[in-house]
Each structure stands twice: as structure tokens, then as C-alpha cells.
Amino acid sequence: MEKKNLILGILIFGSLWGAVEATLGGVLHRVLLHFPYTGAIMFSIAAFILVAARRSYGKPGAITAMGFVAASFKLLNLLFFVSPCIFHPMLAIIVEAMAIDLVLSISERSSKLSKLSKLSKLKTPDCLLGILMGSIGTLASAFVLYIPPVRGVPPLISSSTVFLTFLSINVIGCAITVPLAFKFGSPIDFQRKSATANIFVIAICWMVGALSILLI
């Protein structure tokens, strides 16, 4: 039963993240056409969703699985013949999920060790976790952009000024959203919801994502 709840959580939170990427991400890319920092804004929002998800599903690897679900929304671009350029966006989402998963897993492990050693004061502050996530997320984004094929030099790695600005936005954004997720993101047991309700939520996320890709 616990495994079933975990799978539901992965599907629902992953679909929610994918829908947010398709809607808000699409709007930002459309409105801020030559603004190279939309990825940093979206990463901060993703950090909020995934940290909140981690409060319900603390199993290492769950957030990475959510990243694969969210990345699959990019396949809708191929389905609707919107854009064939989906490799890097999909990979970026997965790598960012892995980065957040890694930071939280290390933090949780260090917290457990500190409790065993009766050193509770060693608990990592939520704000510091956000800073770490923002930093690693920026490095992950830069890493993905180095993987071919890439047309020209991507804005993020075109200059140190752009990279440092991207890093600053990521760090500041995550330093705000991560503590908020820990404070307001209460654990959710989707297994207590009806199967119809869970399927409805997932279906709505995919419908919203599909419509956003078609209309934005």
C-alpha cells in the first residue's frame, strides 16, 4: 500500500511540475523572449514543489522520478508538431530534479547522523538548503547546455556576467521558496483520496499542459 501511495505521489507531483513548466514556463519564454534567466525563475518554483513533495515522500529517488514525469510533458511538443527541440529541456528538468534529490538526501542523512550523535544543532537551515539547491541547479543547467547538439553558444554560458546573474537569481529564489515549502508544505497521503480524484488531478495537469503548448 505504501508503494502505491509513492507511485501516486510521483505521478501527481510530477504532473503538477510538468503543467507549471508548460504554462508559466511557456508564458515567461513568450513574454520575456530574450531574457536568459527564465530558467532560474522556473527552478525556484520547481524547488518549492519538490521540497513540498519530499515532505510527503522522503524516499530518495522519488523526486528524480517526478522529474522524469515532468520531463515527459515535453513530448507533447512532438505530438502536436510544435517543436522538435525537446532533448535539452527534458534533460534539464531531469538533472535539476536529481540535484534537488541529492541535496535533500544529503541533508536528511546529516540530520540523522547528528541526532545519533546528540548534536541536534547541526541541522541544516532551510535557507542554506535553498542556497545549495540554487547553486547546484545553476551548475546542472550549465552542464546540460554543454551537451551537443547546441546551436551556437547558449546565453547562460556566453559570459561570466550572465552566468553569475543566473546564479544569483537561482540562489535568491531558492533561498525564499525552499523555506516556504518546509513551512507550508504539509505531508499528503494521496492513497486516502479516491482513485477517481487522483486520476482526475493527473488528467487535468496533462490537459492544462497540452492546451498551454498549443496556445502559448
N, C-alpha and C. Protein backbone atom coordinates (compact mmCIF):
# COMPACT_ATOMS: atom_id res chain seq x y z
N MET A 1 0.83 -1.21 0.00
CA MET A 1 0.00 0.00 0.00
C MET A 1 0.87 1.26 0.00
N GLU A 2 1.99 1.19 0.73
CA GLU A 2 2.90 2.33 0.78
C GLU A 2 3.51 2.59 -0.60
N LYS A 3 3.82 1.51 -1.32
CA LYS A 3 4.37 1.64 -2.67
C LYS A 3 3.36 2.29 -3.60
N LYS A 4 2.09 1.92 -3.46
CA LYS A 4 1.03 2.52 -4.28
C LYS A 4 0.92 4.01 -4.03
N ASN A 5 1.01 4.41 -2.76
CA ASN A 5 0.93 5.82 -2.40
C ASN A 5 2.12 6.59 -2.97
N LEU A 6 3.30 5.96 -2.96
CA LEU A 6 4.50 6.59 -3.50
C LEU A 6 4.35 6.82 -5.00
N ILE A 7 3.85 5.82 -5.71
CA ILE A 7 3.66 5.95 -7.16
C ILE A 7 2.66 7.05 -7.47
N LEU A 8 1.58 7.11 -6.70
CA LEU A 8 0.59 8.18 -6.89
C LEU A 8 1.21 9.55 -6.68
N GLY A 9 2.02 9.66 -5.63
CA GLY A 9 2.68 10.93 -5.34
C GLY A 9 3.61 11.35 -6.46
N ILE A 10 4.37 10.40 -6.98
CA ILE A 10 5.29 10.69 -8.08
C ILE A 10 4.52 11.18 -9.30
N LEU A 11 3.43 10.50 -9.62
CA LEU A 11 2.64 10.87 -10.80
C LEU A 11 1.97 12.23 -10.63
N ILE A 12 1.44 12.49 -9.43
CA ILE A 12 0.70 13.75 -9.22
C ILE A 12 1.65 14.94 -9.13
N PHE A 13 2.70 14.83 -8.29
CA PHE A 13 3.63 15.96 -8.17
C PHE A 13 4.42 16.15 -9.46
N GLY A 14 4.78 15.06 -10.14
CA GLY A 14 5.48 15.18 -11.42
C GLY A 14 4.61 15.83 -12.47
N SER A 15 3.33 15.47 -12.49
CA SER A 15 2.39 16.08 -13.46
C SER A 15 2.15 17.55 -13.14
N LEU A 16 2.09 17.87 -11.85
CA LEU A 16 1.92 19.26 -11.44
C LEU A 16 3.11 20.10 -11.90
N TRP A 17 4.31 19.58 -11.69
CA TRP A 17 5.51 20.29 -12.12
C TRP A 17 5.52 20.45 -13.65
N GLY A 18 5.17 19.40 -14.36
CA GLY A 18 5.14 19.47 -15.81
C GLY A 18 4.14 20.49 -16.31
N ALA A 19 2.98 20.57 -15.66
CA ALA A 19 1.96 21.54 -16.05
C ALA A 19 2.43 22.97 -15.79
N VAL A 20 3.11 23.18 -14.67
CA VAL A 20 3.65 24.51 -14.35
C VAL A 20 4.71 24.90 -15.38
N GLU A 21 5.57 23.96 -15.74
CA GLU A 21 6.60 24.24 -16.76
C GLU A 21 5.96 24.61 -18.09
N ALA A 22 4.89 23.91 -18.45
CA ALA A 22 4.23 24.15 -19.73
C ALA A 22 3.48 25.48 -19.75
N THR A 23 2.85 25.84 -18.62
CA THR A 23 2.04 27.06 -18.58
C THR A 23 2.89 28.29 -18.25
N LEU A 24 3.33 28.37 -17.01
CA LEU A 24 4.11 29.53 -16.59
C LEU A 24 5.42 29.63 -17.36
N GLY A 25 6.07 28.48 -17.55
CA GLY A 25 7.32 28.50 -18.31
C GLY A 25 7.11 28.98 -19.73
N GLY A 26 6.02 28.52 -20.35
CA GLY A 26 5.71 28.95 -21.71
C GLY A 26 5.43 30.44 -21.79
N VAL A 27 4.68 30.96 -20.81
CA VAL A 27 4.36 32.39 -20.78
C VAL A 27 5.63 33.22 -20.61
N LEU A 28 6.50 32.82 -19.70
CA LEU A 28 7.74 33.56 -19.46
C LEU A 28 8.62 33.57 -20.69
N HIS A 29 8.73 32.42 -21.35
CA HIS A 29 9.56 32.36 -22.57
C HIS A 29 8.96 33.19 -23.69
N ARG A 30 7.63 33.30 -23.72
CA ARG A 30 6.98 34.07 -24.77
C ARG A 30 7.06 35.57 -24.49
N VAL A 31 6.80 35.95 -23.24
CA VAL A 31 6.81 37.37 -22.87
C VAL A 31 8.24 37.91 -22.77
N LEU A 32 9.10 37.12 -22.13
CA LEU A 32 10.49 37.54 -21.95
C LEU A 32 11.35 36.81 -22.97
N LEU A 33 11.16 37.13 -24.24
CA LEU A 33 11.73 36.37 -25.35
C LEU A 33 13.26 36.30 -25.29
N HIS A 34 13.90 37.42 -25.00
CA HIS A 34 15.37 37.46 -24.99
C HIS A 34 15.92 37.57 -23.57
N PHE A 35 15.12 37.13 -22.61
CA PHE A 35 15.53 37.16 -21.20
C PHE A 35 16.13 35.79 -20.85
N PRO A 36 17.45 35.71 -20.60
CA PRO A 36 18.10 34.40 -20.41
C PRO A 36 17.95 33.81 -19.01
N TYR A 37 17.09 34.42 -18.18
CA TYR A 37 17.02 33.98 -16.79
C TYR A 37 15.68 33.33 -16.41
N THR A 38 14.86 33.02 -17.42
CA THR A 38 13.58 32.38 -17.11
C THR A 38 13.78 31.01 -16.46
N GLY A 39 14.86 30.33 -16.84
CA GLY A 39 15.16 29.03 -16.25
C GLY A 39 15.39 29.11 -14.75
N ALA A 40 16.01 30.21 -14.31
CA ALA A 40 16.27 30.40 -12.88
C ALA A 40 14.96 30.62 -12.12
N ILE A 41 14.06 31.37 -12.72
CA ILE A 41 12.76 31.61 -12.09
C ILE A 41 11.99 30.30 -11.97
N MET A 42 11.99 29.50 -13.04
CA MET A 42 11.26 28.24 -13.02
C MET A 42 11.89 27.23 -12.06
N PHE A 43 13.20 27.28 -11.92
CA PHE A 43 13.87 26.35 -11.00
C PHE A 43 13.47 26.64 -9.56
N SER A 44 13.34 27.92 -9.22
CA SER A 44 12.93 28.29 -7.86
C SER A 44 11.53 27.78 -7.55
N ILE A 45 10.65 27.87 -8.55
CA ILE A 45 9.28 27.38 -8.38
C ILE A 45 9.28 25.85 -8.28
N ALA A 46 10.10 25.21 -9.11
CA ALA A 46 10.21 23.75 -9.06
C ALA A 46 10.73 23.29 -7.70
N ALA A 47 11.67 24.05 -7.14
CA ALA A 47 12.23 23.71 -5.83
C ALA A 47 11.13 23.70 -4.77
N PHE A 48 10.21 24.68 -4.85
CA PHE A 48 9.09 24.74 -3.90
C PHE A 48 8.23 23.48 -4.02
N ILE A 49 7.87 23.12 -5.26
CA ILE A 49 7.01 21.95 -5.48
C ILE A 49 7.68 20.68 -4.99
N LEU A 50 8.97 20.52 -5.31
CA LEU A 50 9.66 19.27 -5.00
C LEU A 50 10.01 19.13 -3.52
N VAL A 51 10.32 20.24 -2.88
CA VAL A 51 10.58 20.18 -1.43
C VAL A 51 9.28 19.84 -0.69
N ALA A 52 8.18 20.45 -1.15
CA ALA A 52 6.87 20.11 -0.57
C ALA A 52 6.55 18.64 -0.79
N ALA A 53 6.88 18.13 -1.97
CA ALA A 53 6.66 16.71 -2.27
C ALA A 53 7.52 15.83 -1.38
N ARG A 54 8.73 16.28 -1.11
CA ARG A 54 9.65 15.49 -0.28
C ARG A 54 9.11 15.33 1.14
N ARG A 55 8.32 16.29 1.59
CA ARG A 55 7.73 16.19 2.93
C ARG A 55 6.72 15.06 3.01
N SER A 56 6.14 14.73 1.86
CA SER A 56 5.19 13.61 1.82
C SER A 56 5.89 12.30 1.47
N TYR A 57 6.92 12.41 0.63
CA TYR A 57 7.61 11.21 0.14
C TYR A 57 9.11 11.38 0.33
N GLY A 58 9.60 10.96 1.48
CA GLY A 58 11.00 11.15 1.83
C GLY A 58 11.93 10.11 1.23
N LYS A 59 11.40 9.20 0.45
CA LYS A 59 12.23 8.15 -0.14
C LYS A 59 13.19 8.74 -1.17
N PRO A 60 14.51 8.52 -1.02
CA PRO A 60 15.48 9.01 -2.01
C PRO A 60 15.16 8.46 -3.40
N GLY A 61 15.23 9.32 -4.38
CA GLY A 61 14.92 8.92 -5.75
C GLY A 61 13.52 9.28 -6.19
N ALA A 62 12.64 9.58 -5.24
CA ALA A 62 11.26 9.91 -5.59
C ALA A 62 11.21 11.22 -6.39
N ILE A 63 12.00 12.21 -5.98
CA ILE A 63 12.00 13.49 -6.68
C ILE A 63 12.57 13.32 -8.09
N THR A 64 13.59 12.50 -8.23
CA THR A 64 14.14 12.22 -9.56
C THR A 64 13.08 11.60 -10.46
N ALA A 65 12.29 10.68 -9.90
CA ALA A 65 11.21 10.06 -10.66
C ALA A 65 10.18 11.11 -11.08
N MET A 66 9.89 12.07 -10.19
CA MET A 66 8.97 13.16 -10.53
C MET A 66 9.53 13.98 -11.68
N GLY A 67 10.86 14.13 -11.72
CA GLY A 67 11.49 14.85 -12.81
C GLY A 67 11.26 14.17 -14.16
N PHE A 68 11.30 12.84 -14.18
CA PHE A 68 11.04 12.11 -15.42
C PHE A 68 9.59 12.31 -15.87
N VAL A 69 8.67 12.33 -14.90
CA VAL A 69 7.25 12.56 -15.25
C VAL A 69 7.08 13.97 -15.82
N ALA A 70 7.67 14.96 -15.15
CA ALA A 70 7.56 16.35 -15.62
C ALA A 70 8.21 16.51 -16.99
N ALA A 71 9.36 15.87 -17.20
CA ALA A 71 10.06 15.99 -18.48
C ALA A 71 9.25 15.38 -19.62
N SER A 72 8.44 14.36 -19.31
CA SER A 72 7.64 13.72 -20.35
C SER A 72 6.61 14.66 -20.96
N PHE A 73 6.29 15.77 -20.26
CA PHE A 73 5.37 16.77 -20.81
C PHE A 73 5.96 17.38 -22.09
N LYS A 74 7.28 17.41 -22.19
CA LYS A 74 7.93 17.98 -23.37
C LYS A 74 7.64 17.16 -24.62
N LEU A 75 7.27 15.89 -24.44
CA LEU A 75 6.93 15.05 -25.58
C LEU A 75 5.68 15.55 -26.30
N LEU A 76 4.87 16.34 -25.58
CA LEU A 76 3.68 16.91 -26.21
C LEU A 76 4.06 17.86 -27.34
N ASN A 77 5.26 18.45 -27.25
CA ASN A 77 5.73 19.32 -28.33
C ASN A 77 5.89 18.54 -29.63
N LEU A 78 6.34 17.31 -29.51
CA LEU A 78 6.46 16.45 -30.69
C LEU A 78 5.10 15.98 -31.17
N LEU A 79 4.26 15.63 -30.22
CA LEU A 79 2.93 15.11 -30.55
C LEU A 79 2.10 16.13 -31.34
N PHE A 80 2.23 17.41 -30.94
CA PHE A 80 1.45 18.46 -31.60
C PHE A 80 2.26 19.21 -32.65
N PHE A 81 3.45 18.68 -33.00
CA PHE A 81 4.31 19.29 -34.02
C PHE A 81 4.62 20.76 -33.71
N VAL A 82 4.82 21.05 -32.42
CA VAL A 82 5.12 22.43 -32.02
C VAL A 82 6.61 22.71 -32.16
N SER A 83 7.43 21.80 -31.62
CA SER A 83 8.87 21.97 -31.69
C SER A 83 9.56 20.63 -31.50
N PRO A 84 10.56 20.33 -32.35
CA PRO A 84 11.30 19.08 -32.20
C PRO A 84 12.44 19.19 -31.19
N CYS A 85 12.69 20.41 -30.72
CA CYS A 85 13.83 20.66 -29.81
C CYS A 85 13.40 20.38 -28.36
N ILE A 86 13.42 19.12 -27.99
CA ILE A 86 12.97 18.77 -26.64
C ILE A 86 14.05 18.07 -25.81
N PHE A 87 15.16 17.69 -26.44
CA PHE A 87 16.19 16.91 -25.72
C PHE A 87 16.76 17.68 -24.54
N HIS A 88 17.23 18.90 -24.77
CA HIS A 88 17.85 19.68 -23.71
C HIS A 88 16.86 20.10 -22.61
N PRO A 89 15.65 20.56 -22.98
CA PRO A 89 14.67 20.88 -21.92
C PRO A 89 14.32 19.68 -21.05
N MET A 90 14.16 18.51 -21.68
CA MET A 90 13.84 17.31 -20.91
C MET A 90 15.00 16.93 -19.99
N LEU A 91 16.20 16.97 -20.54
CA LEU A 91 17.38 16.61 -19.75
C LEU A 91 17.58 17.59 -18.61
N ALA A 92 17.31 18.88 -18.86
CA ALA A 92 17.48 19.90 -17.82
C ALA A 92 16.55 19.63 -16.64
N ILE A 93 15.30 19.30 -16.93
CA ILE A 93 14.32 19.02 -15.86
C ILE A 93 14.77 17.81 -15.03
N ILE A 94 15.23 16.76 -15.71
CA ILE A 94 15.66 15.55 -15.01
C ILE A 94 16.89 15.82 -14.14
N VAL A 95 17.86 16.53 -14.69
CA VAL A 95 19.09 16.83 -13.95
C VAL A 95 18.80 17.74 -12.77
N GLU A 96 17.90 18.71 -12.95
CA GLU A 96 17.53 19.59 -11.84
C GLU A 96 16.84 18.81 -10.72
N ALA A 97 15.98 17.86 -11.10
CA ALA A 97 15.32 17.01 -10.11
C ALA A 97 16.35 16.18 -9.34
N MET A 98 17.34 15.66 -10.06
CA MET A 98 18.39 14.87 -9.42
C MET A 98 19.20 15.73 -8.45
N ALA A 99 19.44 17.00 -8.84
CA ALA A 99 20.20 17.90 -7.97
C ALA A 99 19.46 18.17 -6.67
N ILE A 100 18.16 18.44 -6.75
CA ILE A 100 17.35 18.68 -5.55
C ILE A 100 17.26 17.42 -4.70
N ASP A 101 17.09 16.29 -5.36
CA ASP A 101 17.04 14.99 -4.66
C ASP A 101 18.33 14.76 -3.88
N LEU A 102 19.45 15.06 -4.51
CA LEU A 102 20.76 14.85 -3.89
C LEU A 102 20.96 15.74 -2.67
N VAL A 103 20.63 17.02 -2.82
CA VAL A 103 20.79 17.96 -1.71
C VAL A 103 19.94 17.55 -0.51
N LEU A 104 18.68 17.19 -0.76
CA LEU A 104 17.79 16.81 0.33
C LEU A 104 18.21 15.49 0.97
N SER A 105 18.69 14.55 0.16
CA SER A 105 19.13 13.26 0.70
C SER A 105 20.34 13.44 1.61
N ILE A 106 21.29 14.26 1.17
CA ILE A 106 22.48 14.52 1.99
C ILE A 106 22.10 15.24 3.28
N SER A 107 21.18 16.22 3.16
CA SER A 107 20.74 16.97 4.34
C SER A 107 20.05 16.06 5.35
N GLU A 108 19.16 15.19 4.84
CA GLU A 108 18.45 14.28 5.74
C GLU A 108 19.39 13.29 6.40
N ARG A 109 20.38 12.84 5.65
CA ARG A 109 21.35 11.90 6.21
C ARG A 109 22.18 12.55 7.30
N SER A 110 22.60 13.81 7.05
CA SER A 110 23.40 14.52 8.06
C SER A 110 22.57 14.80 9.31
N SER A 111 21.26 15.06 9.12
CA SER A 111 20.38 15.31 10.26
C SER A 111 20.24 14.05 11.11
N LYS A 112 20.13 12.89 10.44
CA LYS A 112 20.02 11.63 11.17
C LYS A 112 21.29 11.33 11.95
N LEU A 113 22.44 11.61 11.32
CA LEU A 113 23.72 11.37 11.99
C LEU A 113 23.90 12.29 13.19
N SER A 114 23.43 13.55 13.04
CA SER A 114 23.56 14.50 14.15
C SER A 114 22.68 14.10 15.32
N LYS A 115 21.50 13.51 15.02
CA LYS A 115 20.62 13.06 16.09
C LYS A 115 21.23 11.87 16.83
N LEU A 116 21.87 10.97 16.05
CA LEU A 116 22.52 9.82 16.67
C LEU A 116 23.69 10.26 17.54
N SER A 117 24.32 11.36 17.14
CA SER A 117 25.46 11.88 17.91
C SER A 117 25.02 12.88 18.97
N LYS A 118 23.68 13.08 19.08
CA LYS A 118 23.10 14.03 20.02
C LYS A 118 23.60 15.46 19.75
N LEU A 119 23.77 15.78 18.48
CA LEU A 119 24.21 17.11 18.08
C LEU A 119 23.13 17.74 17.22
N SER A 120 21.98 17.97 17.81
CA SER A 120 20.82 18.47 17.07
C SER A 120 21.04 19.84 16.46
N LYS A 121 22.01 20.58 16.98
CA LYS A 121 22.26 21.93 16.47
C LYS A 121 22.88 21.90 15.07
N LEU A 122 23.28 20.70 14.60
CA LEU A 122 23.91 20.60 13.30
C LEU A 122 22.89 20.55 12.16
N LYS A 123 21.61 20.65 12.47
CA LYS A 123 20.58 20.62 11.43
C LYS A 123 20.80 21.77 10.44
N THR A 124 20.77 21.43 9.15
CA THR A 124 21.00 22.42 8.11
C THR A 124 19.83 23.39 8.00
N PRO A 125 20.07 24.71 8.10
CA PRO A 125 18.97 25.68 7.97
C PRO A 125 18.31 25.57 6.60
N ASP A 126 17.00 25.78 6.56
CA ASP A 126 16.25 25.68 5.31
C ASP A 126 16.76 26.67 4.26
N CYS A 127 17.12 27.86 4.73
CA CYS A 127 17.63 28.89 3.81
C CYS A 127 18.93 28.43 3.14
N LEU A 128 19.80 27.79 3.93
CA LEU A 128 21.06 27.30 3.38
C LEU A 128 20.82 26.19 2.37
N LEU A 129 19.83 25.35 2.65
CA LEU A 129 19.46 24.31 1.68
C LEU A 129 19.03 24.93 0.36
N GLY A 130 18.26 26.03 0.44
CA GLY A 130 17.83 26.73 -0.76
C GLY A 130 19.01 27.27 -1.54
N ILE A 131 19.99 27.82 -0.83
CA ILE A 131 21.19 28.36 -1.48
C ILE A 131 21.96 27.25 -2.18
N LEU A 132 22.08 26.10 -1.52
CA LEU A 132 22.76 24.95 -2.11
C LEU A 132 22.02 24.46 -3.36
N MET A 133 20.70 24.39 -3.27
CA MET A 133 19.91 23.94 -4.41
C MET A 133 20.05 24.89 -5.59
N GLY A 134 20.00 26.19 -5.30
CA GLY A 134 20.14 27.19 -6.36
C GLY A 134 21.49 27.11 -7.04
N SER A 135 22.54 26.89 -6.25
CA SER A 135 23.90 26.81 -6.79
C SER A 135 24.07 25.56 -7.65
N ILE A 136 23.66 24.41 -7.10
CA ILE A 136 23.79 23.15 -7.84
C ILE A 136 22.88 23.15 -9.06
N GLY A 137 21.69 23.75 -8.94
CA GLY A 137 20.78 23.84 -10.07
C GLY A 137 21.37 24.63 -11.22
N THR A 138 22.09 25.70 -10.90
CA THR A 138 22.74 26.51 -11.93
C THR A 138 23.84 25.73 -12.63
N LEU A 139 24.64 25.01 -11.84
CA LEU A 139 25.70 24.19 -12.43
C LEU A 139 25.12 23.08 -13.30
N ALA A 140 23.99 22.52 -12.86
CA ALA A 140 23.32 21.47 -13.63
C ALA A 140 22.83 22.01 -14.97
N SER A 141 22.25 23.22 -14.94
CA SER A 141 21.76 23.84 -16.17
C SER A 141 22.90 24.11 -17.14
N ALA A 142 24.02 24.60 -16.61
CA ALA A 142 25.19 24.88 -17.45
C ALA A 142 25.75 23.59 -18.04
N PHE A 143 25.75 22.52 -17.24
CA PHE A 143 26.23 21.21 -17.72
C PHE A 143 25.39 20.71 -18.88
N VAL A 144 24.08 20.83 -18.76
CA VAL A 144 23.18 20.35 -19.82
C VAL A 144 23.43 21.11 -21.11
N LEU A 145 23.69 22.40 -21.00
CA LEU A 145 23.88 23.22 -22.20
C LEU A 145 25.18 22.92 -22.93
N TYR A 146 26.10 22.23 -22.28
CA TYR A 146 27.35 21.85 -22.94
C TYR A 146 27.19 20.58 -23.77
N ILE A 147 26.07 19.87 -23.57
CA ILE A 147 25.85 18.60 -24.27
C ILE A 147 25.32 18.89 -25.67
N PRO A 148 25.98 18.38 -26.72
CA PRO A 148 25.52 18.63 -28.09
C PRO A 148 24.24 17.86 -28.38
N PRO A 149 23.47 18.25 -29.44
CA PRO A 149 23.78 19.39 -30.31
C PRO A 149 23.20 20.70 -29.79
N VAL A 150 24.01 21.74 -29.79
CA VAL A 150 23.56 23.07 -29.39
C VAL A 150 23.91 24.04 -30.50
N ARG A 151 22.94 24.85 -30.92
CA ARG A 151 23.19 25.83 -31.98
C ARG A 151 23.79 27.09 -31.38
N GLY A 152 25.07 27.30 -31.64
CA GLY A 152 25.72 28.48 -31.10
C GLY A 152 26.00 28.32 -29.62
N VAL A 153 26.43 29.40 -29.00
CA VAL A 153 26.73 29.39 -27.57
C VAL A 153 25.49 29.84 -26.80
N PRO A 154 24.94 29.00 -25.92
CA PRO A 154 23.76 29.39 -25.14
C PRO A 154 24.03 30.62 -24.29
N PRO A 155 23.02 31.47 -24.07
CA PRO A 155 23.20 32.70 -23.28
C PRO A 155 23.78 32.45 -21.89
N LEU A 156 23.38 31.34 -21.25
CA LEU A 156 23.81 31.10 -19.88
C LEU A 156 25.32 30.99 -19.76
N ILE A 157 25.97 30.41 -20.77
CA ILE A 157 27.42 30.23 -20.69
C ILE A 157 28.17 31.13 -21.68
N SER A 158 27.49 32.16 -22.18
CA SER A 158 28.13 33.07 -23.14
C SER A 158 29.05 34.06 -22.46
N SER A 159 28.76 34.37 -21.19
CA SER A 159 29.61 35.32 -20.46
C SER A 159 29.48 35.07 -18.97
N SER A 160 30.52 35.48 -18.24
CA SER A 160 30.52 35.30 -16.79
C SER A 160 29.44 36.15 -16.13
N THR A 161 29.13 37.30 -16.73
CA THR A 161 28.10 38.19 -16.16
C THR A 161 26.73 37.52 -16.20
N VAL A 162 26.40 36.93 -17.34
CA VAL A 162 25.12 36.25 -17.47
C VAL A 162 25.06 35.06 -16.51
N PHE A 163 26.13 34.29 -16.42
CA PHE A 163 26.16 33.11 -15.55
C PHE A 163 25.99 33.52 -14.09
N LEU A 164 26.72 34.55 -13.66
CA LEU A 164 26.64 34.99 -12.26
C LEU A 164 25.27 35.58 -11.94
N THR A 165 24.66 36.26 -12.91
CA THR A 165 23.31 36.79 -12.70
C THR A 165 22.31 35.65 -12.58
N PHE A 166 22.45 34.65 -13.44
CA PHE A 166 21.59 33.46 -13.38
C PHE A 166 21.75 32.77 -12.03
N LEU A 167 22.99 32.64 -11.59
CA LEU A 167 23.29 32.02 -10.30
C LEU A 167 22.65 32.81 -9.16
N SER A 168 22.76 34.13 -9.21
CA SER A 168 22.20 34.98 -8.15
C SER A 168 20.69 34.85 -8.06
N ILE A 169 20.02 34.87 -9.22
CA ILE A 169 18.55 34.74 -9.25
C ILE A 169 18.15 33.37 -8.70
N ASN A 170 18.88 32.32 -9.10
CA ASN A 170 18.59 30.97 -8.64
C ASN A 170 18.75 30.85 -7.13
N VAL A 171 19.85 31.38 -6.63
CA VAL A 171 20.16 31.27 -5.20
C VAL A 171 19.15 32.06 -4.36
N ILE A 172 18.87 33.30 -4.76
CA ILE A 172 17.92 34.13 -4.02
C ILE A 172 16.52 33.52 -4.08
N GLY A 173 16.13 33.07 -5.27
CA GLY A 173 14.79 32.47 -5.43
C GLY A 173 14.62 31.23 -4.56
N CYS A 174 15.60 30.34 -4.59
CA CYS A 174 15.51 29.10 -3.79
C CYS A 174 15.63 29.38 -2.30
N ALA A 175 16.39 30.42 -1.94
CA ALA A 175 16.51 30.79 -0.53
C ALA A 175 15.18 31.26 0.04
N ILE A 176 14.27 31.67 -0.86
CA ILE A 176 12.92 32.10 -0.45
C ILE A 176 11.93 30.95 -0.53
N THR A 177 11.92 30.24 -1.68
CA THR A 177 10.90 29.22 -1.90
C THR A 177 11.10 27.95 -1.07
N VAL A 178 12.35 27.57 -0.84
CA VAL A 178 12.61 26.34 -0.09
C VAL A 178 12.13 26.43 1.37
N PRO A 179 12.49 27.51 2.11
CA PRO A 179 11.94 27.63 3.46
C PRO A 179 10.42 27.70 3.49
N LEU A 180 9.82 28.34 2.47
CA LEU A 180 8.35 28.40 2.40
C LEU A 180 7.76 27.01 2.22
N ALA A 181 8.43 26.18 1.41
CA ALA A 181 7.94 24.82 1.18
C ALA A 181 8.02 24.00 2.46
N PHE A 182 9.08 24.18 3.24
CA PHE A 182 9.22 23.46 4.50
C PHE A 182 8.17 23.94 5.52
N LYS A 183 7.83 25.22 5.43
CA LYS A 183 6.90 25.79 6.40
C LYS A 183 5.46 25.47 6.08
N PHE A 184 5.09 25.56 4.80
CA PHE A 184 3.67 25.42 4.43
C PHE A 184 3.35 24.11 3.71
N GLY A 185 4.37 23.39 3.27
CA GLY A 185 4.11 22.14 2.55
C GLY A 185 3.84 21.00 3.50
N SER A 186 2.60 20.73 3.78
CA SER A 186 2.24 19.67 4.71
C SER A 186 2.21 18.32 3.99
N PRO A 187 2.56 17.23 4.68
CA PRO A 187 2.53 15.90 4.07
C PRO A 187 1.14 15.54 3.56
N ILE A 188 1.09 14.88 2.41
CA ILE A 188 -0.18 14.50 1.79
C ILE A 188 -0.18 13.00 1.54
N ASP A 189 -1.26 12.35 1.91
CA ASP A 189 -1.43 10.92 1.66
C ASP A 189 -2.48 10.76 0.56
N PHE A 190 -2.01 10.60 -0.69
CA PHE A 190 -2.94 10.51 -1.82
C PHE A 190 -3.74 9.22 -1.80
N GLN A 191 -3.24 8.23 -1.07
CA GLN A 191 -3.95 6.96 -1.03
C GLN A 191 -5.30 7.09 -0.34
N ARG A 192 -5.41 8.11 0.53
CA ARG A 192 -6.68 8.32 1.21
C ARG A 192 -7.72 8.96 0.29
N LYS A 193 -7.24 9.57 -0.78
CA LYS A 193 -8.17 10.13 -1.76
C LYS A 193 -8.70 9.00 -2.64
N SER A 194 -9.83 9.22 -3.26
CA SER A 194 -10.38 8.20 -4.14
C SER A 194 -9.54 8.09 -5.40
N ALA A 195 -9.56 6.91 -6.01
CA ALA A 195 -8.80 6.69 -7.24
C ALA A 195 -9.26 7.65 -8.33
N THR A 196 -10.56 7.92 -8.37
CA THR A 196 -11.11 8.83 -9.37
C THR A 196 -10.55 10.24 -9.21
N ALA A 197 -10.44 10.69 -7.96
CA ALA A 197 -9.92 12.03 -7.69
C ALA A 197 -8.46 12.15 -8.11
N ASN A 198 -7.66 11.12 -7.82
CA ASN A 198 -6.24 11.15 -8.20
C ASN A 198 -6.07 11.15 -9.71
N ILE A 199 -6.84 10.30 -10.40
CA ILE A 199 -6.77 10.25 -11.86
C ILE A 199 -7.23 11.58 -12.46
N PHE A 200 -8.24 12.20 -11.85
CA PHE A 200 -8.76 13.48 -12.33
C PHE A 200 -7.68 14.57 -12.23
N VAL A 201 -6.97 14.61 -11.10
CA VAL A 201 -5.91 15.61 -10.91
C VAL A 201 -4.81 15.43 -11.95
N ILE A 202 -4.38 14.19 -12.15
CA ILE A 202 -3.33 13.92 -13.15
C ILE A 202 -3.80 14.30 -14.55
N ALA A 203 -5.04 13.93 -14.88
CA ALA A 203 -5.58 14.23 -16.21
C ALA A 203 -5.68 15.74 -16.43
N ILE A 204 -6.11 16.48 -15.41
CA ILE A 204 -6.21 17.94 -15.52
C ILE A 204 -4.84 18.55 -15.80
N CYS A 205 -3.83 18.07 -15.09
CA CYS A 205 -2.46 18.58 -15.30
C CYS A 205 -2.02 18.38 -16.74
N TRP A 206 -2.29 17.19 -17.28
CA TRP A 206 -1.89 16.91 -18.66
C TRP A 206 -2.71 17.71 -19.67
N MET A 207 -3.98 17.91 -19.37
CA MET A 207 -4.82 18.72 -20.26
C MET A 207 -4.36 20.17 -20.27
N VAL A 208 -4.05 20.69 -19.10
CA VAL A 208 -3.56 22.07 -19.00
C VAL A 208 -2.23 22.20 -19.73
N GLY A 209 -1.35 21.21 -19.55
CA GLY A 209 -0.07 21.24 -20.23
C GLY A 209 -0.23 21.21 -21.74
N ALA A 210 -1.12 20.34 -22.23
CA ALA A 210 -1.35 20.23 -23.67
C ALA A 210 -1.92 21.52 -24.25
N LEU A 211 -2.91 22.10 -23.57
CA LEU A 211 -3.51 23.34 -24.04
C LEU A 211 -2.50 24.48 -24.04
N SER A 212 -1.66 24.52 -23.02
CA SER A 212 -0.65 25.58 -22.94
C SER A 212 0.33 25.48 -24.09
N ILE A 213 0.75 24.28 -24.43
CA ILE A 213 1.69 24.08 -25.52
C ILE A 213 1.06 24.47 -26.86
N LEU A 214 -0.22 24.19 -27.01
CA LEU A 214 -0.92 24.53 -28.24
C LEU A 214 -1.20 26.03 -28.38
N LEU A 215 -1.52 26.68 -27.26
CA LEU A 215 -1.99 28.06 -27.31
C LEU A 215 -0.91 29.11 -27.04
N ILE A 216 0.10 28.75 -26.26
CA ILE A 216 1.11 29.77 -25.90
C ILE A 216 2.19 29.84 -26.97
